[in-house]
N, C-alpha and C. Protein backbone atom coordinates (compact mmCIF):
# COMPACT_ATOMS: atom_id res chain seq x y z
N MET A 1 6.29 -37.03 12.76
CA MET A 1 5.51 -36.95 11.77
C MET A 1 6.29 -37.71 10.81
N PRO A 2 4.92 -38.53 9.97
CA PRO A 2 5.56 -38.68 8.84
C PRO A 2 6.00 -38.43 7.86
N LEU A 3 6.87 -39.23 6.94
CA LEU A 3 7.21 -38.70 5.85
C LEU A 3 6.64 -37.83 4.53
N GLY A 4 6.95 -37.32 4.01
CA GLY A 4 6.11 -36.15 3.00
C GLY A 4 4.91 -35.19 3.28
N THR A 5 5.27 -34.98 4.91
CA THR A 5 4.53 -34.03 5.38
C THR A 5 4.46 -32.53 5.28
N ALA A 6 3.62 -31.96 4.52
CA ALA A 6 3.37 -30.50 4.44
C ALA A 6 3.55 -29.55 5.61
N ILE A 7 4.75 -28.60 5.82
CA ILE A 7 5.25 -27.58 6.64
C ILE A 7 5.58 -26.36 6.57
N HIS A 8 5.12 -25.72 7.76
CA HIS A 8 5.60 -23.95 7.72
C HIS A 8 6.52 -24.07 9.20
N ASN A 9 6.90 -22.42 8.90
CA ASN A 9 7.33 -22.24 10.12
C ASN A 9 8.08 -22.89 10.90
N ILE A 10 9.36 -23.31 9.89
CA ILE A 10 10.23 -23.96 10.99
C ILE A 10 11.51 -23.23 11.30
N GLU A 11 11.86 -23.91 13.03
CA GLU A 11 13.16 -23.47 13.85
C GLU A 11 14.22 -24.09 12.73
N ILE A 12 14.90 -23.34 12.62
CA ILE A 12 16.42 -23.29 12.18
C ILE A 12 17.37 -23.87 13.54
N THR A 13 17.37 -23.24 14.53
CA THR A 13 18.03 -23.80 15.80
C THR A 13 16.84 -23.71 17.26
N LEU A 14 16.83 -24.45 17.68
CA LEU A 14 16.25 -24.47 18.89
C LEU A 14 15.79 -23.52 19.51
N GLY A 15 14.22 -23.51 19.76
CA GLY A 15 14.25 -22.17 20.64
C GLY A 15 14.52 -20.78 20.00
N LYS A 16 14.59 -21.00 19.16
CA LYS A 16 14.59 -19.61 18.26
C LYS A 16 13.61 -18.58 17.54
N GLY A 17 12.49 -20.02 17.68
CA GLY A 17 11.33 -19.64 16.69
C GLY A 17 11.07 -19.63 15.01
N GLY A 18 9.91 -19.80 14.74
CA GLY A 18 10.89 -20.08 12.66
C GLY A 18 10.96 -19.16 12.05
N GLN A 19 11.31 -19.33 11.27
CA GLN A 19 12.39 -18.52 10.67
C GLN A 19 12.10 -19.18 9.25
N LEU A 20 12.02 -19.86 8.75
CA LEU A 20 11.77 -21.00 7.06
C LEU A 20 10.84 -21.01 6.87
N VAL A 21 10.27 -20.70 5.38
CA VAL A 21 8.77 -21.01 5.01
C VAL A 21 7.69 -20.21 5.79
N ARG A 22 7.61 -19.22 5.48
CA ARG A 22 7.02 -17.99 6.37
C ARG A 22 5.49 -16.86 5.82
N ALA A 23 6.38 -17.21 3.84
CA ALA A 23 5.98 -16.59 3.35
C ALA A 23 4.22 -17.19 3.17
N ALA A 24 3.19 -16.39 2.23
CA ALA A 24 1.80 -16.85 2.32
C ALA A 24 1.55 -17.79 1.18
N GLY A 25 0.84 -18.89 1.45
CA GLY A 25 0.90 -19.81 0.83
C GLY A 25 2.57 -20.92 0.78
N ALA A 26 3.51 -20.28 1.38
CA ALA A 26 4.29 -21.46 1.39
C ALA A 26 4.05 -22.81 2.30
N VAL A 27 5.29 -23.61 1.33
CA VAL A 27 5.30 -25.13 2.47
C VAL A 27 6.50 -25.88 1.65
N ALA A 28 6.68 -26.27 3.26
CA ALA A 28 7.77 -27.70 2.89
C ALA A 28 7.96 -28.73 3.28
N LYS A 29 8.62 -29.75 2.76
CA LYS A 29 7.85 -31.11 2.67
C LYS A 29 9.26 -31.93 3.56
N LEU A 30 8.70 -32.36 4.35
CA LEU A 30 9.86 -33.91 5.19
C LEU A 30 9.78 -34.68 4.48
N ILE A 31 11.29 -34.85 3.88
CA ILE A 31 11.97 -35.87 3.28
C ILE A 31 12.07 -36.77 3.76
N ALA A 32 12.82 -36.79 4.82
CA ALA A 32 13.87 -38.03 5.10
C ALA A 32 13.84 -37.83 6.57
N LYS A 33 14.17 -38.72 7.99
CA LYS A 33 14.50 -38.19 9.27
C LYS A 33 15.73 -39.95 9.07
N GLU A 34 16.51 -38.98 10.09
CA GLU A 34 18.00 -40.01 9.62
C GLU A 34 18.64 -39.43 11.70
N GLY A 35 18.52 -41.03 11.90
CA GLY A 35 19.10 -39.86 13.49
C GLY A 35 18.47 -38.92 14.45
N LYS A 36 19.29 -37.66 14.50
CA LYS A 36 18.77 -36.54 15.30
C LYS A 36 18.63 -35.46 14.60
N SER A 37 18.78 -35.93 13.48
CA SER A 37 18.15 -33.99 12.28
C SER A 37 17.02 -34.98 11.11
N ALA A 38 16.68 -34.03 10.69
CA ALA A 38 15.46 -34.15 9.31
C ALA A 38 15.48 -33.44 8.24
N THR A 39 15.48 -34.42 6.97
CA THR A 39 15.91 -33.17 5.95
C THR A 39 14.28 -32.61 5.52
N LEU A 40 14.69 -31.92 5.20
CA LEU A 40 13.28 -31.01 4.22
C LEU A 40 13.57 -30.44 2.97
N LYS A 41 12.69 -29.93 2.13
CA LYS A 41 12.78 -29.85 1.01
C LYS A 41 11.73 -28.20 1.08
N LEU A 42 12.79 -26.98 0.82
CA LEU A 42 12.20 -26.19 0.57
C LEU A 42 11.50 -25.30 -0.75
N PRO A 43 10.60 -24.56 -0.66
CA PRO A 43 9.93 -24.03 -1.34
C PRO A 43 10.79 -23.36 -2.52
N SER A 44 12.36 -23.00 -2.50
CA SER A 44 13.15 -22.50 -3.20
C SER A 44 13.96 -23.90 -3.91
N GLY A 45 13.09 -25.06 -3.50
CA GLY A 45 14.25 -26.50 -4.09
C GLY A 45 15.41 -26.90 -3.39
N GLU A 46 15.56 -26.15 -2.74
CA GLU A 46 16.90 -26.43 -1.54
C GLU A 46 16.45 -27.30 -0.80
N VAL A 47 17.18 -28.02 -0.17
CA VAL A 47 17.19 -29.36 0.91
C VAL A 47 17.90 -29.05 1.81
N ARG A 48 17.15 -29.54 2.58
CA ARG A 48 18.19 -28.33 4.17
C ARG A 48 17.96 -29.74 5.30
N LEU A 49 19.29 -29.52 5.99
CA LEU A 49 19.11 -30.91 7.20
C LEU A 49 18.73 -30.04 8.80
N ILE A 50 18.00 -29.81 9.39
CA ILE A 50 17.65 -29.46 10.18
C ILE A 50 17.66 -30.48 11.80
N SER A 51 17.40 -30.20 13.01
CA SER A 51 17.63 -31.23 13.67
C SER A 51 15.86 -31.43 14.27
N LYS A 52 15.68 -32.64 14.74
CA LYS A 52 14.34 -33.23 14.92
C LYS A 52 13.46 -32.54 16.30
N ASN A 53 14.58 -31.69 16.74
CA ASN A 53 13.71 -31.11 17.47
C ASN A 53 13.46 -29.93 17.86
N CYS A 54 13.92 -29.06 16.61
CA CYS A 54 13.10 -27.96 15.91
C CYS A 54 11.73 -27.60 16.20
N SER A 55 11.14 -27.20 15.94
CA SER A 55 9.63 -27.16 15.87
C SER A 55 9.42 -26.57 14.49
N ALA A 56 8.00 -26.86 14.25
CA ALA A 56 7.51 -26.51 12.74
C ALA A 56 5.71 -27.24 13.24
N THR A 57 5.50 -25.84 11.83
CA THR A 57 3.60 -25.59 12.34
C THR A 57 3.27 -27.21 10.97
N VAL A 58 2.40 -27.89 11.11
CA VAL A 58 1.81 -29.07 10.22
C VAL A 58 0.71 -27.80 9.35
N GLY A 59 1.25 -27.96 7.66
CA GLY A 59 0.13 -27.76 6.80
C GLY A 59 0.83 -26.69 6.11
N GLN A 60 0.19 -25.93 4.91
CA GLN A 60 0.78 -24.44 4.72
C GLN A 60 0.20 -23.30 4.99
N VAL A 61 1.12 -22.27 4.96
CA VAL A 61 0.58 -21.15 5.50
C VAL A 61 -0.79 -20.58 4.44
N GLY A 62 -1.28 -20.35 5.44
CA GLY A 62 -2.36 -19.50 4.41
C GLY A 62 -1.99 -18.08 3.31
N ASN A 63 -3.23 -17.66 2.92
CA ASN A 63 -3.21 -16.66 2.55
C ASN A 63 -2.04 -16.40 0.40
N VAL A 64 -2.97 -17.89 0.51
CA VAL A 64 -2.60 -18.39 -1.19
C VAL A 64 -2.53 -18.04 -2.08
N GLY A 65 -3.56 -17.05 -2.31
CA GLY A 65 -3.80 -16.30 -3.36
C GLY A 65 -3.73 -15.05 -3.30
N VAL A 66 -2.82 -14.70 -2.29
CA VAL A 66 -2.03 -13.22 -2.16
C VAL A 66 -1.53 -12.13 -4.10
N ASN A 67 -1.01 -13.48 -4.57
CA ASN A 67 -0.23 -12.93 -5.76
C ASN A 67 -1.30 -12.41 -6.86
N GLN A 68 -2.69 -13.15 -6.59
CA GLN A 68 -3.50 -13.65 -8.04
C GLN A 68 -4.57 -12.14 -7.88
N LYS A 69 -4.10 -11.23 -6.73
CA LYS A 69 -4.86 -10.36 -6.81
C LYS A 69 -4.37 -9.00 -7.90
N SER A 70 -5.33 -8.54 -9.32
CA SER A 70 -4.49 -7.88 -9.66
C SER A 70 -4.44 -6.21 -9.28
N LEU A 71 -3.70 -5.73 -9.22
CA LEU A 71 -4.21 -4.10 -8.68
C LEU A 71 -4.31 -2.85 -9.30
N GLY A 72 -3.75 -3.28 -10.85
CA GLY A 72 -4.48 -2.38 -11.83
C GLY A 72 -3.12 -1.76 -12.11
N ARG A 73 -2.52 -0.70 -11.20
CA ARG A 73 -1.22 0.22 -11.62
C ARG A 73 -0.19 0.00 -10.64
N ALA A 74 0.99 0.38 -11.22
CA ALA A 74 2.31 0.50 -10.52
C ALA A 74 1.98 0.73 -9.50
N GLY A 75 1.39 2.23 -9.22
CA GLY A 75 1.13 3.12 -8.03
C GLY A 75 0.28 2.58 -6.71
N SER A 76 -0.94 1.52 -7.12
CA SER A 76 -1.43 0.45 -6.97
C SER A 76 -0.78 -0.25 -5.42
N LYS A 77 0.47 -0.97 -6.21
CA LYS A 77 1.15 -1.63 -5.35
C LYS A 77 2.43 -0.86 -4.30
N ARG A 78 1.95 0.53 -5.02
CA ARG A 78 3.72 0.67 -4.38
C ARG A 78 2.98 1.58 -3.03
N TRP A 79 1.43 1.95 -3.22
CA TRP A 79 1.14 2.97 -1.61
C TRP A 79 0.05 1.87 -1.27
N LEU A 80 0.42 0.54 -1.28
CA LEU A 80 -0.46 -0.62 -0.13
C LEU A 80 0.04 -0.11 1.30
N GLY A 81 -0.92 -0.22 2.06
CA GLY A 81 -1.33 -0.14 3.29
C GLY A 81 -0.75 1.51 3.77
N LYS A 82 -0.63 2.47 3.35
CA LYS A 82 -0.59 3.81 3.49
C LYS A 82 -2.05 4.57 3.97
N LEU A 83 -1.48 5.30 4.42
CA LEU A 83 -2.96 5.85 5.22
C LEU A 83 -3.05 7.16 4.58
N ARG A 84 -4.31 7.95 3.78
CA ARG A 84 -4.07 9.13 2.91
C ARG A 84 -4.32 10.07 4.16
N LYS A 85 -3.46 11.08 3.40
CA LYS A 85 -3.10 12.39 4.44
C LYS A 85 -4.29 12.65 5.35
N ILE A 86 -5.94 12.60 4.29
CA ILE A 86 -7.07 12.85 5.37
C ILE A 86 -7.23 12.37 6.16
N ASP A 87 -7.38 10.82 5.78
CA ASP A 87 -7.42 10.39 7.27
C ASP A 87 -6.57 9.89 8.20
N LYS A 88 -5.30 10.52 7.75
CA LYS A 88 -3.99 10.56 8.88
C LYS A 88 -4.25 11.72 10.19
N LEU A 89 -5.16 13.13 8.71
CA LEU A 89 -5.35 14.35 10.47
C LEU A 89 -6.89 13.76 10.51
N ASN A 90 -7.41 13.35 10.01
CA ASN A 90 -8.97 13.11 10.88
C ASN A 90 -8.73 12.23 12.12
N THR A 91 -8.06 11.04 12.01
CA THR A 91 -7.77 10.68 13.68
C THR A 91 -6.67 11.81 14.07
N LYS A 92 -6.16 13.01 14.08
CA LYS A 92 -5.87 13.56 15.13
C LYS A 92 -6.11 14.55 15.28
N ALA A 93 -6.96 14.63 14.88
CA ALA A 93 -8.17 16.24 14.28
C ALA A 93 -7.03 16.96 14.57
N GLU A 94 -6.61 17.42 13.80
CA GLU A 94 -5.44 18.38 13.05
C GLU A 94 -6.27 19.23 11.75
N LYS A 95 -6.24 20.27 11.97
CA LYS A 95 -6.21 20.66 10.59
C LYS A 95 -4.63 21.98 10.02
N GLU A 96 -4.42 21.19 9.11
CA GLU A 96 -3.26 21.19 8.59
C GLU A 96 -3.63 21.46 6.95
N ILE A 97 -3.05 22.74 6.04
CA ILE A 97 -3.16 22.81 5.03
C ILE A 97 -2.58 21.47 4.06
N ILE A 98 -2.90 21.09 3.64
CA ILE A 98 -3.22 19.72 2.50
C ILE A 98 -2.36 20.53 0.97
N VAL A 99 -1.24 20.53 0.50
CA VAL A 99 -1.05 21.01 -0.80
C VAL A 99 -1.11 19.41 -1.65
N THR A 100 -1.48 20.38 -2.95
CA THR A 100 -2.09 18.85 -3.98
C THR A 100 -2.15 19.51 -5.37
N TRP A 101 -1.28 18.95 -6.38
CA TRP A 101 -1.64 19.03 -7.74
C TRP A 101 -2.79 18.61 -8.73
N SER A 102 -3.22 17.62 -8.29
CA SER A 102 -4.51 17.05 -8.45
C SER A 102 -5.24 17.79 -8.85
N ARG A 103 -6.19 18.35 -9.93
CA ARG A 103 -6.95 18.93 -9.79
C ARG A 103 -8.50 17.83 -10.29
N ALA A 104 -8.51 16.69 -9.99
CA ALA A 104 -9.17 15.71 -10.90
C ALA A 104 -9.93 14.87 -9.99
N SER A 105 -9.54 15.29 -8.56
CA SER A 105 -9.54 14.38 -7.47
C SER A 105 -11.11 15.09 -7.21
N THR A 106 -11.96 13.66 -6.76
CA THR A 106 -12.87 13.92 -6.30
C THR A 106 -13.08 14.08 -4.80
N ILE A 107 -14.08 15.21 -4.60
CA ILE A 107 -14.08 15.39 -2.74
C ILE A 107 -14.92 14.27 -2.31
N ILE A 108 -14.35 13.51 -0.65
CA ILE A 108 -14.74 13.16 -0.03
C ILE A 108 -15.88 13.00 0.86
N PRO A 109 -16.79 13.24 1.35
CA PRO A 109 -16.94 13.49 3.26
C PRO A 109 -16.04 13.36 3.79
N THR A 110 -14.75 12.77 4.08
CA THR A 110 -14.07 13.12 4.68
C THR A 110 -13.04 14.23 4.93
N MET A 111 -13.37 14.98 3.56
CA MET A 111 -12.13 15.83 3.39
C MET A 111 -13.00 17.09 3.97
N ILE A 112 -14.34 16.96 4.61
CA ILE A 112 -14.88 18.10 4.84
C ILE A 112 -14.36 18.86 6.27
N GLY A 113 -14.19 19.95 6.34
CA GLY A 113 -13.46 20.96 7.29
C GLY A 113 -12.12 21.09 7.18
N HIS A 114 -11.65 20.72 6.22
CA HIS A 114 -10.09 20.65 5.51
C HIS A 114 -9.97 21.81 4.80
N THR A 115 -8.41 22.34 5.00
CA THR A 115 -8.24 23.81 3.82
C THR A 115 -7.17 22.47 2.64
N ILE A 116 -7.58 22.61 1.31
CA ILE A 116 -6.90 21.66 0.82
C ILE A 116 -6.31 23.13 -0.19
N ALA A 117 -5.05 23.25 -0.45
CA ALA A 117 -4.00 24.51 -1.47
C ALA A 117 -4.04 23.47 -2.81
N ILE A 118 -4.85 24.01 -3.73
CA ILE A 118 -4.88 23.24 -5.36
C ILE A 118 -3.74 24.19 -6.38
N HIS A 119 -3.45 23.22 -6.68
CA HIS A 119 -2.37 24.16 -8.21
C HIS A 119 -3.05 24.84 -8.97
N ASN A 120 -2.93 26.15 -9.38
CA ASN A 120 -3.99 26.98 -10.78
C ASN A 120 -2.84 26.71 -11.97
N GLY A 121 -2.12 26.34 -11.70
CA GLY A 121 -0.95 26.19 -12.99
C GLY A 121 0.03 26.78 -12.44
N LYS A 122 0.06 27.89 -11.63
CA LYS A 122 1.08 28.62 -11.34
C LYS A 122 1.45 28.60 -9.61
N GLU A 123 0.25 28.73 -8.48
CA GLU A 123 0.44 28.61 -7.36
C GLU A 123 -0.52 28.14 -6.85
N HIS A 124 -0.01 27.74 -5.63
CA HIS A 124 -0.97 26.43 -4.87
C HIS A 124 -2.26 27.76 -4.32
N LEU A 125 -3.38 27.60 -4.35
CA LEU A 125 -4.42 28.47 -4.13
C LEU A 125 -5.43 27.49 -2.52
N PRO A 126 -5.37 28.22 -1.40
CA PRO A 126 -6.15 27.07 -0.31
C PRO A 126 -7.52 27.38 -0.61
N ILE A 127 -8.22 26.13 -0.22
CA ILE A 127 -9.88 26.42 -0.61
C ILE A 127 -10.32 25.18 0.82
N TYR A 128 -11.27 25.92 1.66
CA TYR A 128 -11.61 25.64 2.38
C TYR A 128 -13.21 24.89 2.43
N ILE A 129 -12.77 23.14 2.65
CA ILE A 129 -13.77 22.06 2.19
C ILE A 129 -15.15 22.62 3.05
N THR A 130 -16.24 22.33 2.40
CA THR A 130 -17.62 22.70 3.27
C THR A 130 -18.40 21.20 2.32
N ASP A 131 -19.31 20.74 2.71
CA ASP A 131 -20.44 19.73 2.86
C ASP A 131 -21.00 19.98 1.04
N ARG A 132 -21.14 21.05 0.62
CA ARG A 132 -21.86 21.47 -0.80
C ARG A 132 -20.76 21.03 -1.54
N MET A 133 -19.58 20.86 -1.32
CA MET A 133 -18.70 20.97 -2.66
C MET A 133 -18.44 19.12 -3.04
N VAL A 134 -19.15 18.03 -1.88
CA VAL A 134 -18.76 17.08 -2.08
C VAL A 134 -19.45 16.24 -3.23
N GLY A 135 -18.70 16.03 -4.05
CA GLY A 135 -19.27 15.71 -5.41
C GLY A 135 -18.28 16.09 -6.40
N HIS A 136 -17.88 17.18 -6.08
CA HIS A 136 -17.17 18.06 -7.16
C HIS A 136 -16.03 17.66 -7.25
N LYS A 137 -14.99 18.23 -8.29
CA LYS A 137 -13.45 17.83 -8.64
C LYS A 137 -12.90 18.95 -7.88
N LEU A 138 -12.01 19.38 -7.65
CA LEU A 138 -10.82 19.97 -6.66
C LEU A 138 -10.70 21.51 -8.42
N GLY A 139 -10.47 20.86 -9.07
CA GLY A 139 -10.18 21.79 -9.74
C GLY A 139 -11.48 22.84 -10.34
N GLU A 140 -12.70 22.54 -9.74
CA GLU A 140 -13.86 23.69 -10.29
C GLU A 140 -13.14 24.70 -9.13
N PHE A 141 -12.83 24.38 -8.25
CA PHE A 141 -13.29 25.44 -7.55
C PHE A 141 -11.84 27.03 -7.62
N VAL A 142 -10.53 26.27 -7.89
CA VAL A 142 -9.70 26.77 -8.79
C VAL A 142 -9.20 27.38 -10.75
N PRO A 143 -9.97 28.61 -10.59
CA PRO A 143 -9.94 28.80 -11.90
C PRO A 143 -8.31 28.95 -12.65
N THR A 144 -8.02 28.15 -13.89
CA THR A 144 -6.45 28.25 -13.98
C THR A 144 -5.97 29.44 -15.19
N LEU A 145 -7.29 29.98 -15.68
CA LEU A 145 -6.33 31.51 -16.38
C LEU A 145 -7.38 32.90 -15.93
N ASN A 146 -6.47 33.35 -15.94
CA ASN A 146 -6.66 35.15 -15.60
C ASN A 146 -7.31 35.48 -16.63
N PHE A 147 -8.42 36.51 -16.87
CA PHE A 147 -9.02 36.46 -17.89
C PHE A 147 -8.15 38.54 -18.08
N ARG A 148 -8.05 38.57 -19.16
CA ARG A 148 -6.94 40.00 -19.39
C ARG A 148 -7.49 40.88 -19.64
N GLY A 149 -8.90 40.62 -20.60
CA GLY A 149 -9.54 41.71 -21.44
C GLY A 149 -9.32 41.59 -22.88
N HIS A 150 -9.92 42.28 -23.65
CA HIS A 150 -9.85 42.51 -25.56
C HIS A 150 -9.61 43.32 -25.85
N ALA A 151 -8.81 44.70 -25.06
CA ALA A 151 -8.75 45.64 -25.71
C ALA A 151 -7.86 46.04 -26.85
N LYS A 152 -7.94 46.56 -27.41
CA LYS A 152 -7.10 46.42 -29.10
C LYS A 152 -5.18 46.48 -28.85
N GLY A 153 -5.51 47.61 -28.06
CA GLY A 153 -3.87 47.89 -27.81
C GLY A 153 -2.97 47.43 -26.97
N ASP A 154 -3.73 45.88 -26.04
CA ASP A 154 -3.56 46.03 -25.29
C ASP A 154 -2.10 44.44 -25.23
N ASN A 155 -1.31 44.23 -25.63
CA ASN A 155 -0.17 43.57 -25.84
C ASN A 155 -0.26 42.29 -25.42
N ARG A 156 -0.64 42.17 -24.12
CA ARG A 156 -0.97 41.23 -23.15
C ARG A 156 -1.88 40.32 -24.05
N SER A 157 -2.87 40.76 -24.57
CA SER A 157 -4.08 39.63 -24.85
C SER A 157 -3.63 39.08 -26.38
N ARG A 158 -2.24 39.65 -26.90
CA ARG A 158 -2.24 38.88 -27.89
C ARG A 158 -1.26 37.77 -27.85
N ARG A 159 -0.45 36.80 -29.01
CA ARG A 159 0.25 35.74 -28.82
C ARG A 159 1.77 36.43 -29.84
């Protein structure tokens, strides 16, 4: 390889497989070759001596713009790659009650046929999702207040 070549996926010991410079968009440069060793400049700025017999891949690791994507909020980063509970139950074809405190979530077609226990402020009430509920919010099907009446002598209606 000529000097100044961009490389990645570099072996440290022969036959062990690539261990250095494997992250998205990472690249190392071949600075010098002396005898049986080669000098590399790693992305961290470290200069390292490695055997010439060790293998490496020419070029830069793909997916360079992975950090440029705005996820919007902290939760989006935290839940990357996580399968939603509904999707998990659909793949297993199980019927398990899903407990949620979210009343603002919109009912989507994949929820049809599942029972979701929605919090009303005091307890979770199970609701069976049908096709007529798609597009509505979960909270629409569980009232939060219990009407107690307007009787004059009723102490419960006063504060």
